[in-house]
Structures are given as C-alpha cells and as structure tokens.
Protein backbone atom coordinates (compact mmCIF):
# COMPACT_ATOMS: atom_id res chain seq x y z
CA MET A 1 -14.85 51.08 55.27
CA TYR A 2 -14.48 47.32 54.45
CA ARG A 3 -16.57 47.88 51.40
CA ARG A 4 -14.18 50.61 50.14
CA ARG A 5 -11.16 48.25 50.70
CA PHE A 6 -12.93 45.45 48.74
CA LEU A 7 -13.70 47.73 45.84
CA ALA A 8 -10.07 49.00 45.82
CA ILE A 9 -8.61 45.47 45.72
CA LEU A 10 -11.09 44.44 43.06
CA GLY A 11 -10.26 47.36 41.01
CA LEU A 12 -6.52 46.58 41.26
CA PHE A 13 -7.18 42.98 40.14
CA VAL A 14 -8.99 44.31 37.06
CA ILE A 15 -6.28 46.77 36.16
CA VAL A 16 -3.51 44.21 36.45
CA GLY A 17 -5.69 41.57 34.36
CA ILE A 18 -6.14 44.01 31.60
CA GLY A 19 -2.54 44.93 31.61
CA PHE A 20 -1.52 41.37 31.18
CA THR A 21 -3.97 40.76 28.43
CA LEU A 22 -2.99 43.86 26.47
CA GLY A 23 0.58 42.80 26.95
CA TYR A 24 0.07 39.52 25.52
CA LEU A 25 -2.15 40.73 22.75
CA VAL A 26 0.08 43.47 21.68
CA ILE A 27 3.66 42.78 22.95
CA GLY A 28 3.52 39.08 22.85
CA LYS A 29 2.42 38.93 19.20
CA LYS A 30 6.07 38.85 18.17
CA ASP A 31 6.71 35.55 19.96
CA THR A 32 3.48 33.83 18.67
CA ILE A 33 4.08 34.41 14.76
CA GLN A 34 6.35 32.14 12.75
CA LEU A 35 7.75 33.14 9.19
CA GLU A 36 9.39 30.64 6.96
CA LEU A 37 10.99 31.52 3.56
CA SER A 38 11.59 28.96 0.73
CA MET A 39 15.41 28.76 -0.25
CA LEU A 40 16.84 30.91 -3.07
CA ASP A 41 19.56 29.85 -5.25
CA LYS A 42 22.85 31.54 -4.53
CA SER A 43 23.13 33.02 -7.98
CA TYR A 44 21.04 33.54 -11.05
CA ARG A 45 21.77 34.18 -14.66
CA HIS A 46 20.40 36.83 -16.85
CA GLY A 47 16.78 36.43 -17.81
CA GLN A 48 15.75 34.18 -14.94
CA SER A 49 12.69 35.23 -12.80
CA ILE A 50 13.07 34.60 -9.07
CA THR A 51 10.20 33.23 -6.92
CA LEU A 52 9.93 33.15 -3.17
CA ASN A 53 7.34 31.55 -1.10
CA ALA A 54 6.66 32.90 2.57
CA VAL A 55 4.79 30.82 5.09
CA LEU A 56 3.05 32.44 8.04
CA ARG A 57 1.75 30.64 11.14
CA SER A 58 0.26 32.25 14.27
CA GLN A 59 -0.17 30.92 17.85
CA ALA A 60 -1.85 34.15 19.16
CA ILE A 61 -5.14 33.70 20.96
CA THR A 62 -6.84 36.35 18.87
CA SER A 63 -6.69 37.10 15.04
CA ILE A 64 -3.86 39.35 13.84
CA ASP A 65 -4.25 41.83 10.97
CA GLY A 66 -0.91 42.50 9.28
CA ILE A 67 0.75 43.87 6.27
CA LEU A 68 3.18 41.52 4.59
CA ASN A 69 5.57 42.70 1.91
CA ALA A 70 8.93 41.92 0.44
CA ARG A 71 11.58 44.76 -0.30
CA LEU A 72 14.39 44.07 -2.79
CA ILE A 73 17.71 45.91 -1.86
CA GLY A 74 20.85 46.20 -3.81
CA ASP A 75 23.50 48.76 -4.71
CA ASN A 76 21.56 52.06 -5.78
CA TYR A 77 18.52 49.84 -6.02
CA GLU A 78 15.52 49.25 -3.85
CA LYS A 79 12.04 48.08 -4.87
CA VAL A 80 8.86 46.85 -2.81
CA LEU A 81 7.46 43.70 -4.33
CA GLN A 82 3.98 42.43 -3.97
CA THR A 83 2.16 43.53 -0.71
CA TYR A 84 -0.42 41.39 1.12
CA PHE A 85 -2.84 42.22 4.01
CA PRO A 86 -3.38 38.87 5.78
CA ARG A 87 -5.63 38.33 8.70
CA LEU A 88 -3.77 35.47 10.72
CA LYS A 89 -5.86 33.10 12.82
CA ARG A 90 -4.59 30.73 15.37
CA ASN A 91 -2.91 27.65 14.17
CA VAL A 92 -3.71 28.28 10.41
CA GLU A 93 -0.93 28.19 7.85
CA TYR A 94 -0.85 30.83 5.02
CA THR A 95 1.40 30.77 2.03
CA PHE A 96 2.27 33.95 0.10
CA GLU A 97 4.17 34.25 -3.30
CA PHE A 98 6.78 36.90 -4.08
CA LYS A 99 8.27 37.42 -7.66
CA THR A 100 11.23 39.69 -8.43
CA PRO A 101 11.73 41.36 -11.71
CA VAL A 102 13.48 39.17 -14.14
CA SER A 103 17.18 39.33 -13.54
CA SER A 104 17.93 40.92 -16.81
CA ALA A 105 16.30 44.02 -15.39
CA LEU A 106 18.76 43.93 -12.46
CA LYS A 107 22.39 44.79 -12.63
CA PRO A 108 25.01 42.31 -11.78
CA GLY A 109 25.74 42.30 -7.98
CA THR A 110 24.54 41.16 -4.70
CA TYR A 111 20.79 41.74 -3.64
CA ARG A 112 19.02 41.39 -0.28
CA LEU A 113 15.34 40.20 -0.26
CA LEU A 114 13.81 41.42 3.05
CA VAL A 115 10.37 39.94 3.93
CA ARG A 116 8.48 41.76 6.77
CA LEU A 117 5.20 41.40 8.57
CA ILE A 118 4.14 44.46 10.29
CA SER A 119 0.93 45.15 12.33
CA GLY A 120 -1.86 46.62 10.28
CA GLY A 121 -4.97 46.74 12.54
CA SER A 122 -7.04 49.99 12.33
CA GLY A 123 -6.08 52.52 14.95
CA SER A 124 -3.06 50.39 16.14
CA GLU A 125 0.41 51.49 16.35
CA VAL A 126 2.56 50.19 13.57
CA GLU A 127 5.18 47.64 14.69
CA ASP A 128 7.47 45.02 13.07
CA LEU A 129 6.07 41.58 14.13
CA VAL A 130 8.52 39.34 12.25
CA ASN A 131 10.98 39.47 9.40
CA GLN A 132 13.28 37.17 7.42
CA GLU A 133 16.08 37.98 4.86
CA ARG A 134 17.68 36.11 1.92
CA THR A 135 20.72 37.04 -0.28
CA PHE A 136 21.35 36.29 -3.84
CA THR A 137 23.72 37.35 -6.62
CA VAL A 138 22.94 38.12 -10.40
CA ARG A 139 25.81 37.09 -12.55
CA PRO A 140 27.10 39.48 -15.22
CA LYS A 141 25.38 39.29 -18.73
CA ARG A 142 27.19 37.41 -21.43
CA LYS A 143 26.68 37.16 -25.24
CA LEU A 144 24.68 34.07 -26.17
CA THR A 145 26.16 31.79 -28.72
CA ALA A 146 24.24 31.00 -32.10
CA LYS A 147 23.41 27.61 -30.66
CA GLU A 148 22.05 28.83 -27.52
CA ILE A 149 19.85 31.32 -29.22
CA ALA A 150 18.56 28.57 -31.39
CA THR A 151 18.00 26.53 -28.36
CA ILE A 152 16.05 29.13 -26.58
CA LYS A 153 13.82 29.85 -29.80
CA ALA A 154 13.24 26.05 -29.98
CA GLN A 155 12.28 25.90 -26.32
CA LYS A 156 9.64 28.48 -26.84
CA SER A 157 8.07 26.46 -29.59
CA GLY A 158 8.70 23.03 -28.21
CA LYS A 159 10.11 21.82 -31.62
CA GLY A 160 13.49 20.22 -32.26
CA ILE A 161 14.51 19.96 -28.77
CA PRO A 162 14.46 16.68 -26.95
CA LEU A 163 11.91 15.89 -24.18
CA ASP A 164 13.05 15.15 -20.89
CA ALA A 165 11.39 13.47 -17.74
CA ASP A 166 12.05 12.33 -14.33
CA LEU A 167 10.94 8.75 -13.47
CA ALA A 168 10.33 6.94 -10.26
CA LEU A 169 8.79 3.63 -9.37
CA TYR A 170 6.67 2.84 -6.33
CA PRO A 171 8.21 0.12 -4.23
CA ILE A 172 6.73 -3.40 -4.67
CA GLU A 173 7.41 -6.61 -2.70
CA THR A 174 10.21 -8.43 -4.25
CA SER A 175 9.55 -12.05 -3.20
CA GLY A 176 6.51 -14.02 -2.26
CA SER A 177 3.63 -16.29 -3.46
CA TRP A 178 1.01 -14.33 -5.28
CA TYR A 179 -0.75 -16.99 -7.45
CA GLY A 180 -4.36 -15.94 -8.11
CA GLU A 181 -3.67 -12.28 -7.08
CA ILE A 182 -3.07 -8.99 -8.98
CA MET A 183 0.29 -7.29 -8.66
CA ILE A 184 0.38 -3.50 -9.24
CA ILE A 185 3.29 -1.85 -10.94
CA GLY A 186 3.11 1.83 -10.66
CA GLY A 187 5.10 5.17 -10.43
CA VAL A 188 5.24 8.60 -11.46
CA PHE A 189 7.16 10.56 -14.19
CA ARG A 190 7.37 14.41 -14.69
CA ASN A 191 7.81 16.71 -17.78
CA ILE A 192 10.99 18.69 -16.86
CA THR A 193 11.09 20.50 -20.03
CA TYR A 194 9.81 23.96 -20.98
CA TRP A 195 6.99 22.85 -23.11
CA ASP A 196 4.07 20.28 -23.28
CA GLY A 197 5.09 16.94 -24.65
CA ASP A 198 4.02 13.48 -25.80
CA TYR A 199 5.39 10.55 -24.02
CA LYS A 200 5.13 6.71 -24.56
CA LEU A 201 5.55 4.51 -21.42
CA VAL A 202 6.58 0.96 -22.02
CA VAL A 203 6.68 -1.70 -19.13
CA THR A 204 8.29 -5.05 -19.85
CA ILE A 205 8.17 -8.08 -17.85
CA THR A 206 10.68 -11.07 -18.59
CA ASP A 207 9.59 -14.33 -17.18
CA PRO A 208 12.41 -17.00 -16.02
CA ALA A 209 12.26 -18.61 -19.46
CA GLY A 210 13.08 -15.16 -21.20
CA GLU A 211 9.69 -14.55 -22.55
CA LYS A 212 8.69 -10.94 -22.59
CA THR A 213 5.45 -9.07 -21.92
CA GLU A 214 4.93 -5.43 -22.84
CA MET A 215 2.33 -2.96 -21.60
CA ILE A 216 2.27 0.40 -23.26
CA GLU A 217 0.47 3.67 -22.52
CA LYS A 218 0.63 7.18 -24.12
CA TYR A 219 0.40 10.47 -22.19
CA ARG A 220 0.49 14.18 -23.08
CA ILE A 221 1.95 16.05 -20.18
CA LYS A 222 2.28 19.77 -19.68
CA SER A 223 5.54 21.43 -18.74
CA GLY A 224 6.40 20.99 -15.12
CA GLU A 225 3.41 18.55 -14.53
CA GLN A 226 3.69 14.88 -13.41
CA GLN A 227 1.78 11.75 -14.52
CA GLU A 228 1.00 8.76 -12.28
CA PHE A 229 0.90 5.33 -13.91
CA SER A 230 -0.33 2.01 -12.83
CA PHE A 231 -0.29 -1.54 -14.57
CA ASP A 232 -2.09 -4.55 -13.21
CA VAL A 233 -0.32 -7.80 -13.53
CA ASP A 234 -2.38 -11.07 -13.08
CA ILE A 235 -0.26 -13.73 -11.11
CA THR A 236 -1.84 -16.87 -12.76
CA THR A 237 -1.19 -20.51 -11.66
CA ASP A 238 0.63 -21.32 -14.80
CA MET A 239 3.44 -18.75 -14.14
CA ALA A 240 6.58 -20.47 -13.36
CA GLU A 241 8.54 -19.94 -10.16
CA GLY A 242 11.70 -17.67 -10.36
CA ARG A 243 12.78 -14.09 -10.83
CA TYR A 244 10.90 -11.79 -13.16
CA PRO A 245 12.81 -8.54 -14.13
CA ILE A 246 10.66 -5.45 -14.73
CA THR A 247 11.96 -2.62 -16.83
CA VAL A 248 9.93 0.83 -17.25
CA LYS A 249 11.05 3.12 -20.11
CA VAL A 250 9.91 6.49 -21.14
CA PHE A 251 10.15 7.48 -24.88
CA ASP A 252 9.68 10.63 -26.77
CA ASP A 253 6.35 9.97 -28.58
CA ARG A 254 6.15 12.95 -30.89
CA ALA A 255 5.16 12.49 -34.67
CA GLY A 256 7.61 11.12 -36.95
CA LYS A 257 9.37 9.02 -34.44
CA LYS A 258 10.12 5.33 -34.75
CA GLN A 259 8.18 2.65 -33.04
CA TYR A 260 9.11 3.89 -29.54
CA GLY A 261 10.91 7.14 -30.33
CA ARG A 262 13.84 8.45 -28.46
CA LEU A 263 14.59 6.82 -25.20
CA ILE A 264 14.24 9.57 -22.36
CA ASN A 265 14.60 7.84 -19.11
CA GLU A 266 14.33 4.23 -17.77
CA THR A 267 14.43 2.35 -14.40
CA ALA A 268 14.26 -1.24 -13.40
CA THR A 269 12.97 -3.53 -10.64
CA SER A 270 12.12 -7.22 -10.22
CA PHE A 271 10.12 -9.68 -8.12
CA SER A 272 10.38 -13.44 -7.51
CA LEU A 273 7.58 -15.86 -7.42
CA GLN A 274 7.57 -18.74 -4.91
CA ASP A 275 5.37 -21.70 -5.00
CA LEU A 276 4.57 -22.37 -1.32
CA PRO A 277 3.83 -26.07 -0.23
CA PRO A 278 0.21 -27.11 0.51
CA GLU A 279 -1.54 -26.13 3.80
CA LEU A 280 -3.47 -28.60 5.79
CA ASN A 281 -6.18 -28.17 8.41
CA LEU A 282 -7.10 -31.20 10.56
CA ASP A 283 -9.43 -29.66 12.86
CA ALA A 284 -12.38 -31.66 11.70
CA ILE A 285 -10.85 -34.95 12.73
CA GLU A 286 -11.95 -36.36 16.15
CA LEU A 287 -9.02 -37.75 18.32
CA SER A 288 -11.51 -40.18 20.08
CA ILE A 289 -13.27 -42.45 17.58
CA PRO A 290 -15.65 -45.55 18.16
CA GLY A 291 -13.81 -48.82 16.99
CA ASP A 292 -15.11 -51.45 14.66
CA ASP A 293 -16.87 -49.06 12.42
CA GLU A 294 -16.07 -46.96 9.38
CA TYR A 295 -15.01 -43.30 9.99
CA ASP A 296 -14.60 -40.42 7.51
CA PHE A 297 -11.32 -38.57 7.98
CA LYS A 298 -11.78 -35.09 6.58
CA VAL A 299 -8.89 -32.75 5.87
CA GLN A 300 -9.11 -29.16 4.61
CA ALA A 301 -6.37 -28.52 2.10
CA TYR A 302 -5.10 -25.19 0.51
CA ASP A 303 -2.68 -24.51 -2.25
CA ASP A 304 -1.70 -21.52 -4.29
CA ARG A 305 -1.38 -23.51 -7.52
CA GLY A 306 -3.67 -26.57 -6.79
CA ILE A 307 -3.48 -29.83 -4.97
CA GLU A 308 -2.38 -32.75 -7.18
CA THR A 309 -2.73 -35.76 -4.72
CA MET A 310 -3.78 -36.38 -1.09
CA ARG A 311 -2.90 -39.65 0.71
CA PHE A 312 -3.93 -40.79 4.13
CA GLN A 313 -1.42 -42.88 5.96
CA TYR A 314 -2.26 -44.84 9.14
CA ARG A 315 -0.78 -47.34 11.50
CA ILE A 316 -2.55 -49.98 13.74
CA GLU A 317 -1.04 -51.85 16.59
CA ARG A 318 -3.61 -54.56 17.68
CA LYS A 319 -4.00 -55.69 21.25
CA GLY A 320 -6.77 -58.35 21.08
CA ILE A 321 -7.58 -61.50 19.31
CA ILE A 322 -10.22 -62.50 16.89
CA GLU A 323 -13.38 -63.66 18.70
CA ASN A 324 -14.13 -67.39 18.38
CA ILE A 325 -10.90 -68.05 16.48
CA ASN A 326 -8.00 -69.12 18.62
CA ILE A 327 -5.28 -67.28 16.60
CA LEU A 328 -3.64 -63.96 17.18
CA LYS A 329 -4.36 -60.95 14.74
CA LYS A 330 -1.63 -59.40 12.80
CA ASN A 331 0.18 -57.45 15.44
CA LYS A 332 0.91 -54.23 13.26
CA VAL A 333 -0.70 -52.71 10.21
CA GLU A 334 0.59 -49.79 8.09
CA GLU A 335 -1.49 -48.57 5.11
CA THR A 336 -1.77 -45.69 2.76
CA VAL A 337 -5.00 -44.84 0.90
CA PRO A 338 -5.94 -42.06 -1.48
CA MET A 339 -8.20 -39.27 -0.29
CA ILE A 340 -11.00 -38.08 -2.36
CA LEU A 341 -12.01 -34.49 -2.96
CA ALA A 342 -15.41 -34.28 -1.46
CA SER A 343 -16.09 -30.52 -1.66
CA GLY A 344 -14.46 -27.32 -2.90
CA ASP A 345 -11.72 -27.33 -5.43
CA ARG A 346 -7.96 -28.19 -5.72
CA LEU A 347 -6.94 -24.75 -4.41
CA ASP A 348 -9.25 -24.93 -1.37
CA GLY A 349 -11.17 -28.07 -0.78
CA VAL A 350 -12.13 -30.78 1.76
CA TRP A 351 -10.57 -34.34 1.16
CA VAL A 352 -12.01 -37.47 2.65
CA ALA A 353 -10.48 -40.91 3.52
CA LYS A 354 -12.81 -43.61 4.67
CA VAL A 355 -11.15 -46.07 7.01
CA MET A 356 -12.35 -49.08 8.97
CA MET A 357 -11.33 -48.47 12.52
CA PRO A 358 -9.97 -51.29 14.50
CA ASN A 359 -11.29 -52.63 17.84
CA GLU A 360 -11.43 -50.83 21.17
CA GLY A 361 -8.08 -50.61 22.81
CA ASP A 362 -6.12 -50.97 19.63
CA LEU A 363 -3.52 -48.35 18.91
CA PHE A 364 -4.20 -46.01 15.83
CA SER A 365 -2.31 -43.15 14.51
CA PHE A 366 -2.44 -41.29 11.18
CA SER A 367 -0.67 -38.87 8.90
CA VAL A 368 -1.66 -36.79 5.88
CA LYS A 369 0.56 -36.24 2.77
CA ALA A 370 -0.27 -33.62 0.31
CA GLU A 371 1.45 -32.86 -3.02
CA ASP A 372 0.67 -29.84 -5.18
CA SER A 373 0.99 -29.50 -9.00
CA ASP A 374 4.48 -28.21 -8.65
CA GLY A 375 5.72 -31.09 -6.64
CA HIS A 376 5.84 -29.43 -3.29
CA VAL A 377 4.85 -31.75 -0.57
CA THR A 378 3.52 -31.35 3.01
CA THR A 379 3.40 -34.31 5.28
CA THR A 380 2.10 -34.08 8.92
CA GLU A 381 3.40 -35.97 11.84
CA TYR A 382 1.55 -39.03 12.95
CA TYR A 383 -1.40 -38.09 15.33
CA PRO A 384 -2.55 -40.83 17.79
CA VAL A 385 -6.31 -41.50 18.05
CA SER A 386 -8.11 -43.17 21.10
CA VAL A 387 -10.26 -45.98 19.86
CA THR A 388 -13.36 -46.32 21.97
CA LYS A 389 -16.06 -48.91 22.33
CA ARG A 390 -18.28 -49.36 19.40
CA LEU A 391 -21.54 -47.58 19.38
CA LYS A 392 -24.61 -49.87 19.40
CA LYS A 393 -26.90 -49.28 16.48
CA LYS A 394 -30.65 -48.83 17.02
CA LYS A 395 -32.65 -51.76 15.87
CA GLU A 396 -35.13 -50.90 12.98
CA GLU A 397 -38.82 -51.27 13.73
CA LYS A 398 -40.47 -53.95 11.63
CA LYS A 399 -42.99 -52.94 9.11
CA ASP A 400 -46.37 -54.70 8.49
CA GLU A 401 -45.15 -56.04 5.26
CA ASP A 402 -42.15 -57.46 6.98
CA ILE A 403 -44.40 -59.43 9.52
CA LYS A 404 -44.62 -63.03 8.65
CA TYR A 405 -48.06 -64.67 9.49
CA LEU A 406 -49.02 -68.29 10.03
CA PRO A 407 -50.81 -69.91 7.03
CA GLY A 408 -54.46 -68.91 6.82
CA PHE A 409 -54.01 -65.88 9.04
CA GLN A 410 -53.88 -62.46 7.33
CA GLY A 411 -54.05 -60.29 10.51
CA TYR A 412 -57.22 -58.41 10.02
CA ASP A 413 -60.69 -59.44 9.00
CA GLU A 414 -62.94 -57.63 6.50
CA TRP A 415 -64.25 -55.32 9.46
CA GLY A 416 -60.66 -54.38 10.54
CA TYR A 417 -60.63 -56.70 13.54
C-alpha cells in the first residue's frame, strides 16, 4: 500500500517537472529571444538601395531552430526578402542583412518592413517567436538635371569629381615634459566618396620660433574604407620650451594636381613643452658622520635636458678650541664648493663633493643647489648632520725593509738564523 502511494507521488513529480520543462522550452522561448534592427532613414530617393541589419540574441537554455525573414509591405505591394534558417545558441549574437529592391522599383509611398523569427524545428508547431517593424517612404521620382546626370556618370568612373574624406585625430597630452621621449601623432580618415581615391596626408608642426616641420604620407583608399595614420616625433633636448601647433591636412593626390592638390579636410591640435627643474636624491648621504676627516657627499641628480652645475653649500658652527693653542676657532663658517660628476651623465648621474668634516660636537648642515642647461634651479633645504667622534685608523704593520738595524747587524746569518 505504501509502495503504491510512493510510486504515485513520484509519478506526479515527474509529470509536473516535464510540464515545467516543456513550458519553458516551448512557451518561454518568446521571452528569451531579443531582436534588434538597425535604424532606417525616414525617406529614400529614387535609385537608392535600402539595407537593414537584424541582430538576434537568445537566453534560452537549449538551442533554438528558427526561420528569419523580412517582408516588405506597401499599397498593393508585398514581397518577402531574404530568408535565413538560424540555430540560436545561448548568449551568442547573430547578425543578418536584408536588402530591399532599389527604390526605383518601388512606387512612391509608405512601406512597412516586418522582420519575423518563427520556430522552425522539425516536427514542431510553427509559432511567432519575435518580430520588429520599421516604416519608411519613397519620394516621388523627379527628372534629373543635366548637371546631376553628369555627376552620376562621373561618380561611376571616379573622374572629374572631387574626393572627400572624414578626418579625426587621436587625443594627445597637451602639456608636459617629454624630453628624450617620442610623441605619437595619429588619427584616422575615411574615403566617403563612391570611388577609390589617392590621398596625401601632410602633418605640420610649428615650433615656438615659427620654424615648420612637415611629415607627408600617401595613401590609396577604397570607397567607404578608412585609413589609420601615425607619425613619431622625437622630443630632443634642443627643442625649445613653449607651444607647438600641429595641423593635419588631407589633399586630393590624383595625377595632374599641384604640389599638394586640392585641400579636402583639415584639423588641428597642439602641445606645449615644459622644461622641469632638476630632481635630487640625497639618500646616499649619511646623517651621522665621523668628525675631523674627509667625507664624500654623493647626490643623484636627474634632469630632462641635462645638469649644468651642481654646488654643495655647508655651514659649520664650532663649539671647541684648537688644541694646544689658546685661541678660539672661528665660530661660524659658510662655504660653497662645486660638485664633480663621478658617474653617469648630466641627464642622470652621481655628483660628489669632498668636504673636511669639523670636530666632534660641532654643528654641521648642508644644502645642494642644481641648475640645468635651461637655467632652472633646484635648491634643497639645509639638512643637519651629527658629527661623531673620529674613527681611529689601524696602524700599518712594518715591513722588513722598513726595520732599522744596528750597524753591523743584518738580522739573519747565512744559514737563516
């Protein structure tokens, strides 16, 4: 008896589970599919073709087989356009293209473009899964002028009609110190005419003194395609501080043109060079130094254009008196000595000043002053140093040749004794 009840309950759960699954896979498909259409213009002139892109996405657990088509509907007119048979997988995006007949084949009026996805699995009942609709009009046909007819013929051959192009620059930093680095000036331009074209791109940089530098590249670009460009500019240490205007121009470079040809498009930007003052690193200097001895003060100096001079400034305030002489030492001393480049170079190097330290207990402080090749100066504050007791030097062991013997004594006899 209990066994029958258990089997009955189990069967009920199985039936309910199958029902929910079928309901999700069949009925729930409509809520798991998204259809997006690219926008159409509101109206088209005679002779234009019309293209529409449809994007499908599915969130269904299982793959869905469908039939996707577009139907063009107007007054006394109906036509099915391209038909696709997609298998939609979960979280995958699919794009499909639909093209209408050229509008010269359509009568003037309003048209609806209906895009539908219906279920298309074998043995399954056909249902409408998702649909979208767009509306546009076809303007009445008018007689072309002789100039328009000539323009259309020229467009087909690509002769006699000016080229055109869109132009945009990639952003650059407008101000900074880039000495020793490379600045990249780049962007993209696109052929927006109906034929392939030859283009000349000219980048002009003007320095603060008005001197111009030109960089030129030539391109052949197909109709509708775009071309990226990039120019490297070396920021050398001899470049002056100030603003550098940049112009980028696109010219028609077809045969028979002048040096640059007809100007098609242009844009401009600029950057400013700033010479930064020197940077100093004093980490190698100890703040506790033995007195009455020479000490090498080492400073690491960086500059984007090069260090011109380094000076070491120090102050001493004496507290003691000279031994064995009953006169006071000079109470205060302030000196400036040049620093010598010991290693590296003037862009990044170690500079040294050799200073005789005062006696233990005397007050000692120092400052470093650096000047670069453009006159920018960096001066540190005065840092105090603790002057400690002088280190005792080890006595050197005397060598045999330094030993003095009494007259007539040589130290060893002929047998080594």
